[in-house]
Protein backbone atom coordinates (compact mmCIF):
# COMPACT_ATOMS: atom_id res chain seq x y z
CA MET A 1 0.00 0.00 0.00
CA SER A 2 1.31 3.43 -0.92
CA PRO A 3 1.97 5.99 1.84
CA VAL A 4 -0.28 8.35 -0.10
CA ASP A 5 -3.12 5.84 0.44
CA ASN A 6 -2.45 5.16 4.12
CA PRO A 7 -1.29 8.04 6.34
CA THR A 8 -0.65 5.81 9.35
CA HIS A 9 1.85 3.50 7.64
CA ASP A 10 4.60 5.51 5.97
CA PRO A 11 8.09 3.97 6.05
CA ARG A 12 9.57 7.15 4.58
CA PRO A 13 10.39 10.30 6.55
CA THR A 14 7.30 12.11 7.78
CA ALA A 15 7.40 15.11 5.43
CA HIS A 16 8.15 13.19 2.20
CA GLY A 17 4.98 12.22 0.35
CA ALA A 18 2.71 13.34 3.16
CA ILE A 19 -0.19 15.76 2.93
CA PHE A 20 -0.64 18.07 5.89
CA ALA A 21 -3.70 20.26 6.38
CA ARG A 22 -5.59 22.29 8.90
CA VAL A 23 -9.04 20.87 9.53
CA GLY A 24 -11.04 22.91 12.00
CA ASP A 25 -8.75 23.84 14.86
CA GLY A 26 -6.22 21.04 14.36
CA PHE A 27 -3.40 20.01 12.06
CA HIS A 28 -3.74 16.61 10.42
CA ARG A 29 -1.81 14.28 8.19
CA LEU A 30 -4.16 13.14 5.44
CA ALA A 31 -4.20 10.48 2.75
CA LEU A 32 -5.19 10.99 -0.87
CA ARG A 33 -7.60 8.32 -2.11
CA ILE A 34 -7.82 7.97 -5.86
CA PRO A 35 -10.85 5.88 -6.84
CA SER A 36 -10.87 3.58 -9.83
CA GLY A 37 -13.15 4.69 -12.63
CA ASN A 38 -14.56 8.19 -12.90
CA GLY A 39 -14.72 9.14 -9.22
CA LYS A 40 -13.03 12.25 -7.84
CA PRO A 41 -9.95 11.91 -5.66
CA ALA A 42 -10.63 12.60 -1.98
CA LEU A 43 -8.65 13.37 1.13
CA VAL A 44 -9.30 11.13 4.12
CA ASN A 45 -8.13 11.30 7.73
CA ALA A 46 -6.44 8.49 9.69
CA THR A 47 -9.80 6.83 10.40
CA GLY A 48 -10.72 6.83 6.69
CA ALA A 49 -13.37 9.56 6.91
CA LYS A 50 -13.65 11.58 3.71
CA LEU A 51 -13.06 15.34 4.09
CA ASN A 52 -14.85 17.94 1.99
CA PRO A 53 -12.62 20.42 0.10
CA TRP A 54 -14.22 23.41 1.86
CA ASP A 55 -13.31 21.96 5.28
CA VAL A 56 -9.59 21.58 4.48
CA GLU A 57 -6.82 24.18 4.36
CA LEU A 58 -3.87 22.47 2.70
CA LEU A 59 -0.51 23.37 4.23
CA TYR A 60 1.89 20.93 2.54
CA TRP A 61 1.54 18.37 -0.24
CA PRO A 62 3.94 16.57 -2.57
CA SER A 63 4.16 17.90 -6.12
CA GLU A 64 2.97 14.57 -7.57
CA ALA A 65 -0.33 15.01 -5.70
CA GLU A 66 -1.21 18.40 -7.27
CA THR A 67 -3.19 17.09 -10.24
CA PRO A 68 -5.41 14.74 -8.20
CA LEU A 69 -5.86 17.44 -5.53
CA ARG A 70 -7.08 19.84 -8.24
CA ARG A 71 -9.43 17.20 -9.68
CA GLY A 72 -10.84 16.61 -6.19
CA GLY A 73 -11.46 20.32 -5.63
CA TYR A 74 -8.83 20.77 -2.90
CA LEU A 75 -6.67 23.16 -4.97
CA PRO A 76 -7.92 25.91 -7.29
CA LEU A 77 -7.92 25.06 -11.00
CA GLN A 78 -6.08 28.30 -11.78
CA PRO A 79 -3.35 29.73 -9.56
CA VAL A 80 -4.65 32.53 -7.39
CA ASP A 81 -3.43 35.93 -8.58
CA LEU A 82 -2.20 37.63 -5.43
CA GLU A 83 -1.61 40.97 -7.14
CA LEU A 84 -4.26 43.44 -6.12
CA TRP A 85 -6.18 45.03 -8.94
CA CYS A 86 -8.46 48.01 -8.82
CA ASN A 87 -10.71 49.32 -11.55
CA CYS A 88 -11.32 52.67 -9.91
CA ALA A 89 -11.10 56.15 -11.38
CA ASP A 90 -8.29 58.22 -9.97
């Protein structure tokens, strides 16, 4: 079983391949479940409970997980433009 599939059994160092997020008031290590077929990828906690994208604030994830995280709705489809823009008359 891949460490991405099971957050409680990771033989590698903690930060490598792990997904860390803030859920509510706590920090959690989550697993990315990729269903077979047409289902959307989902993040689950250590007990296997699926987490909704709007309940999760991702803090760290491996680069290979970005595409499935986007497909699951956990990352925005387009990068957020942090430059402020104003359409106001001076």
